[in-house]
C-alpha atoms as a PDB file:
ATOM      1  CA  MET A   1     124.330-186.470   6.121  1.00  0.00           C
ATOM      2  CA  VAL A   2     122.978-188.118   2.974  1.00  0.00           C
ATOM      3  CA  ASP A   3     125.404-191.035   3.399  1.00  0.00           C
ATOM      4  CA  ALA A   4     124.463-191.517   7.061  1.00  0.00           C
ATOM      5  CA  ALA A   5     120.769-191.395   6.190  1.00  0.00           C
ATOM      6  CA  ARG A   6     121.060-194.545   4.088  1.00  0.00           C
ATOM      7  CA  PHE A   7     121.115-196.568   7.301  1.00  0.00           C
ATOM      8  CA  ALA A   8     118.354-194.716   9.166  1.00  0.00           C
ATOM      9  CA  GLU A   9     114.837-196.050   9.486  1.00  0.00           C
ATOM     10  CA  THR A  10     113.456-192.518   9.820  1.00  0.00           C
ATOM     11  CA  ILE A  11     115.215-189.269   8.966  1.00  0.00           C
ATOM     12  CA  VAL A  12     114.146-186.064  10.701  1.00  0.00           C
ATOM     13  CA  VAL A  13     115.350-182.799   9.178  1.00  0.00           C
ATOM     14  CA  LEU A  14     114.742-179.378  10.690  1.00  0.00           C
ATOM     15  CA  THR A  15     114.516-176.541   8.184  1.00  0.00           C
ATOM     16  CA  ASN A  16     114.578-172.798   8.587  1.00  0.00           C
ATOM     17  CA  ASP A  17     113.161-171.022   5.530  1.00  0.00           C
ATOM     18  CA  ALA A  18     114.262-173.743   3.086  1.00  0.00           C
ATOM     19  CA  ILE A  19     112.008-172.084   0.528  1.00  0.00           C
ATOM     20  CA  THR A  20     114.618-169.300   0.279  1.00  0.00           C
ATOM     21  CA  VAL A  21     117.775-171.321   1.042  1.00  0.00           C
ATOM     22  CA  PRO A  22     118.455-173.647  -1.910  1.00  0.00           C
ATOM     23  CA  GLU A  23     121.050-175.680   0.010  1.00  0.00           C
ATOM     24  CA  GLN A  24     118.483-176.716   2.626  1.00  0.00           C
ATOM     25  CA  ALA A  25     115.963-177.747  -0.002  1.00  0.00           C
ATOM     26  CA  ALA A  26     118.628-179.649  -1.952  1.00  0.00           C
ATOM     27  CA  LEU A  27     119.613-181.587   1.164  1.00  0.00           C
ATOM     28  CA  VAL A  28     116.021-182.646   1.856  1.00  0.00           C
ATOM     29  CA  ARG A  29     115.484-183.618  -1.789  1.00  0.00           C
ATOM     30  CA  ALA A  30     118.639-185.784  -1.654  1.00  0.00           C
ATOM     31  CA  LEU A  31     117.125-187.883   1.151  1.00  0.00           C
ATOM     32  CA  PRO A  32     114.687-190.758   0.556  1.00  0.00           C
ATOM     33  CA  PRO A  33     111.261-189.076   0.772  1.00  0.00           C
ATOM     34  CA  GLU A  34     109.503-192.190   2.065  1.00  0.00           C
ATOM     35  CA  ARG A  35     111.667-192.116   5.210  1.00  0.00           C
ATOM     36  CA  THR A  36     112.047-188.364   5.648  1.00  0.00           C
ATOM     37  CA  VAL A  37     110.105-186.156   8.057  1.00  0.00           C
ATOM     38  CA  VAL A  38     110.643-182.416   7.804  1.00  0.00           C
ATOM     39  CA  VAL A  39     110.135-180.074  10.739  1.00  0.00           C
ATOM     40  CA  ALA A  40     109.848-176.538   9.387  1.00  0.00           C
ATOM     41  CA  MET A  41     110.864-174.385  12.308  1.00  0.00           C
ATOM     42  CA  ARG A  42     109.881-171.044  10.797  1.00  0.00           C
ATOM     43  CA  SER A  43     107.947-171.066   7.523  1.00  0.00           C
ATOM     44  CA  PRO A  44     105.227-173.526   6.521  1.00  0.00           C
ATOM     45  CA  TYR A  45     106.061-172.750   2.888  1.00  0.00           C
ATOM     46  CA  ASP A  46     109.166-174.974   3.075  1.00  0.00           C
ATOM     47  CA  LEU A  47     106.910-177.901   2.132  1.00  0.00           C
ATOM     48  CA  ALA A  48     106.580-176.476  -1.380  1.00  0.00           C
ATOM     49  CA  SER A  49     110.257-177.328  -1.952  1.00  0.00           C
ATOM     50  CA  PHE A  50     109.803-181.050  -1.164  1.00  0.00           C
ATOM     51  CA  PRO A  51     106.106-182.058  -1.210  1.00  0.00           C
ATOM     52  CA  ASP A  52     106.844-185.806  -1.334  1.00  0.00           C
ATOM     53  CA  VAL A  53     108.322-186.255   2.149  1.00  0.00           C
ATOM     54  CA  SER A  54     106.512-188.771   4.334  1.00  0.00           C
ATOM     55  CA  GLY A  55     105.832-186.342   7.161  1.00  0.00           C
ATOM     56  CA  TYR A  56     105.781-182.620   7.677  1.00  0.00           C
ATOM     57  CA  VAL A  57     105.421-180.484  10.791  1.00  0.00           C
ATOM     58  CA  ALA A  58     105.165-176.697  10.717  1.00  0.00           C
ATOM     59  CA  VAL A  59     106.328-175.266  14.036  1.00  0.00           C
ATOM     60  CA  TYR A  60     106.334-171.458  13.472  1.00  0.00           C
ATOM     61  CA  ALA A  61     108.844-171.043  16.319  1.00  0.00           C
ATOM     62  CA  PRO A  62     112.544-171.235  15.412  1.00  0.00           C
ATOM     63  CA  LEU A  63     113.512-171.163  19.065  1.00  0.00           C
ATOM     64  CA  LEU A  64     115.270-173.690  21.259  1.00  0.00           C
ATOM     65  CA  GLU A  65     112.289-173.556  23.616  1.00  0.00           C
ATOM     66  CA  ALA A  66     110.110-175.176  20.926  1.00  0.00           C
ATOM     67  CA  MET A  67     112.245-178.325  20.745  1.00  0.00           C
ATOM     68  CA  PRO A  68     110.733-180.241  23.707  1.00  0.00           C
ATOM     69  CA  ALA A  69     107.275-179.940  22.136  1.00  0.00           C
ATOM     70  CA  VAL A  70     108.634-180.960  18.717  1.00  0.00           C
ATOM     71  CA  CYS A  71     110.271-184.043  20.238  1.00  0.00           C
ATOM     72  CA  ASP A  72     107.116-184.943  22.181  1.00  0.00           C
ATOM     73  CA  LEU A  73     105.096-184.680  18.977  1.00  0.00           C
ATOM     74  CA  LEU A  74     107.520-186.758  16.908  1.00  0.00           C
ATOM     75  CA  LEU A  75     107.701-189.433  19.600  1.00  0.00           C
ATOM     76  CA  GLY A  76     103.918-189.611  19.814  1.00  0.00           C
ATOM     77  CA  ASP A  77     103.669-188.272  23.359  1.00  0.00           C
ATOM     78  CA  ILE A  78     101.372-185.404  22.330  1.00  0.00           C
ATOM     79  CA  ALA A  79      98.895-185.024  19.489  1.00  0.00           C
ATOM     80  CA  PRO A  80      99.181-182.326  16.838  1.00  0.00           C
ATOM     81  CA  ARG A  81      96.453-179.710  17.215  1.00  0.00           C
ATOM     82  CA  GLY A  82      97.104-177.103  14.570  1.00  0.00           C
ATOM     83  CA  VAL A  83      96.102-176.644  10.974  1.00  0.00           C
ATOM     84  CA  LEU A  84      97.759-174.720   8.181  1.00  0.00           C
ATOM     85  CA  PRO A  85      96.663-171.082   8.307  1.00  0.00           C
ATOM     86  CA  VAL A  86      97.803-170.600   4.693  1.00  0.00           C
ATOM     87  CA  THR A  87      97.598-172.555   1.454  1.00  0.00           C
ATOM     88  CA  ILE A  88     100.897-174.172   0.451  1.00  0.00           C
ATOM     89  CA  SER A  89      99.582-175.883  -2.687  1.00  0.00           C
ATOM     90  CA  ALA A  90      96.437-177.552  -4.033  1.00  0.00           C
ATOM     91  CA  GLN A  91      97.513-180.646  -2.097  1.00  0.00           C
ATOM     92  CA  TYR A  92      97.941-178.665   1.146  1.00  0.00           C
ATOM     93  CA  PRO A  93      95.241-175.970   1.371  1.00  0.00           C
ATOM     94  CA  ALA A  94      94.669-173.758   4.403  1.00  0.00           C
ATOM     95  CA  GLY A  95      92.997-175.807   7.120  1.00  0.00           C
ATOM     96  CA  THR A  96      95.002-178.974   6.414  1.00  0.00           C
ATOM     97  CA  GLY A  97      96.040-180.806   9.553  1.00  0.00           C
ATOM     98  CA  LEU A  98      96.459-184.294  10.937  1.00  0.00           C
ATOM     99  CA  GLN A  99      93.136-185.718  12.070  1.00  0.00           C
ATOM    100  CA  GLY A 100      92.515-188.767  14.227  1.00  0.00           C
ATOM    101  CA  PHE A 101      96.004-188.958  15.717  1.00  0.00           C
ATOM    102  CA  ALA A 102      96.132-190.202  19.284  1.00  0.00           C
ATOM    103  CA  PRO A 103      99.211-189.907  21.488  1.00  0.00           C
ATOM    104  CA  ARG A 104     100.754-193.191  22.486  1.00  0.00           C
ATOM    105  CA  PRO A 105      99.620-194.542  25.873  1.00  0.00           C
END
Protein backbone atom coordinates (compact mmCIF):
# COMPACT_ATOMS: atom_id res chain seq x y z
CA MET A 1 0.00 0.00 0.00
CA VAL A 2 2.82 2.41 0.83
CA ASP A 3 4.39 1.83 -2.61
CA ALA A 4 1.08 2.40 -4.41
CA ALA A 5 0.47 5.56 -2.40
CA ARG A 6 3.53 7.23 -3.91
CA PHE A 7 1.52 7.82 -7.08
CA ALA A 8 -1.74 8.95 -5.47
CA GLU A 9 -2.79 12.57 -5.25
CA THR A 10 -4.86 11.85 -2.13
CA ILE A 11 -4.68 8.78 0.09
CA VAL A 12 -7.72 7.79 2.13
CA VAL A 13 -7.17 5.27 4.92
CA LEU A 14 -9.94 3.80 7.06
CA THR A 15 -8.90 2.84 10.58
CA ASN A 16 -10.59 0.78 13.24
CA ASP A 17 -9.12 1.45 16.69
CA ALA A 18 -5.63 2.25 15.35
CA ILE A 19 -4.84 3.62 18.80
CA THR A 20 -4.71 0.00 20.03
CA VAL A 21 -3.50 -1.71 16.82
CA PRO A 22 0.13 -0.69 16.22
CA GLU A 23 0.14 -2.07 12.66
CA GLN A 24 -2.64 0.30 11.60
CA ALA A 25 -0.91 3.30 13.11
CA ALA A 26 2.41 2.30 11.54
CA LEU A 27 0.80 2.07 8.11
CA VAL A 28 -0.70 5.57 8.39
CA ARG A 29 2.60 7.00 9.66
CA ALA A 30 4.40 5.45 6.65
CA LEU A 31 2.22 7.46 4.26
CA PRO A 32 2.91 11.09 3.31
CA PRO A 33 0.88 13.07 5.87
CA GLU A 34 0.28 16.01 3.54
CA ARG A 35 -1.68 13.74 1.17
CA THR A 36 -3.29 11.41 3.70
CA VAL A 37 -6.86 11.59 4.99
CA VAL A 38 -7.81 9.22 7.78
CA VAL A 39 -11.37 8.04 8.35
CA ALA A 40 -11.61 6.62 11.86
CA MET A 41 -14.54 4.26 11.67
CA ARG A 42 -14.81 3.54 15.38
CA SER A 43 -12.68 5.61 17.76
CA PRO A 44 -11.89 9.32 17.45
CA TYR A 45 -8.75 8.68 19.51
CA ASP A 46 -6.99 7.19 16.45
CA LEU A 47 -5.92 10.74 15.57
CA ALA A 48 -3.54 10.73 18.53
CA SER A 49 -1.42 8.15 16.69
CA PHE A 50 -0.90 10.37 13.61
CA PRO A 51 -1.82 14.02 14.33
CA ASP A 52 -0.08 15.37 11.21
CA VAL A 53 -2.38 13.91 8.55
CA SER A 54 -3.99 16.46 6.25
CA GLY A 55 -7.55 15.40 7.00
CA TYR A 56 -9.37 13.44 9.64
CA VAL A 57 -12.95 12.23 9.89
CA ALA A 58 -14.36 10.48 12.95
CA VAL A 59 -17.32 8.32 11.95
CA TYR A 60 -18.23 6.41 15.17
CA ALA A 61 -19.93 3.71 13.07
CA PRO A 62 -17.76 0.80 11.89
CA LEU A 63 -20.58 -0.52 9.75
CA LEU A 64 -20.92 -0.97 6.01
CA GLU A 65 -24.06 1.17 6.15
CA ALA A 66 -21.93 4.20 7.10
CA MET A 67 -19.86 4.06 3.90
CA PRO A 68 -22.25 5.95 1.57
CA ALA A 69 -22.24 8.92 3.96
CA VAL A 70 -18.45 8.74 4.32
CA CYS A 71 -18.04 8.77 0.54
CA ASP A 72 -20.51 11.65 0.15
CA LEU A 73 -18.58 13.63 2.74
CA LEU A 74 -15.17 12.94 1.19
CA LEU A 75 -16.45 13.83 -2.28
CA GLY A 76 -17.92 17.09 -1.00
CA ASP A 77 -21.54 16.14 -1.62
CA ILE A 78 -22.52 16.72 2.02
CA ALA A 79 -21.10 18.98 4.71
CA PRO A 80 -19.71 17.67 7.99
CA ARG A 81 -21.96 18.56 10.91
CA GLY A 82 -20.41 16.99 13.97
CA VAL A 83 -17.84 18.06 16.50
CA LEU A 84 -15.55 16.02 18.70
CA PRO A 85 -17.38 15.04 21.89
CA VAL A 86 -14.04 14.29 23.59
CA THR A 87 -10.61 15.90 23.76
CA ILE A 88 -7.98 14.09 21.69
CA SER A 89 -5.13 16.50 22.44
CA ALA A 90 -4.49 20.19 23.08
CA GLN A 91 -4.64 20.65 19.31
CA TYR A 92 -8.00 18.83 19.06
CA PRO A 93 -10.14 19.68 22.11
CA ALA A 94 -13.76 18.62 22.55
CA GLY A 95 -15.94 20.75 20.30
CA THR A 96 -13.46 20.80 17.40
CA GLY A 97 -15.12 20.47 14.02
CA LEU A 98 -14.89 21.76 10.48
CA GLN A 99 -16.53 25.15 10.15
CA GLY A 100 -17.49 26.99 6.98
CA PHE A 101 -17.46 23.95 4.70
CA ALA A 102 -20.03 24.03 1.93
CA PRO A 103 -20.93 21.00 -0.17
CA ARG A 104 -20.04 21.28 -3.82
CA PRO A 105 -22.86 22.50 -6.08
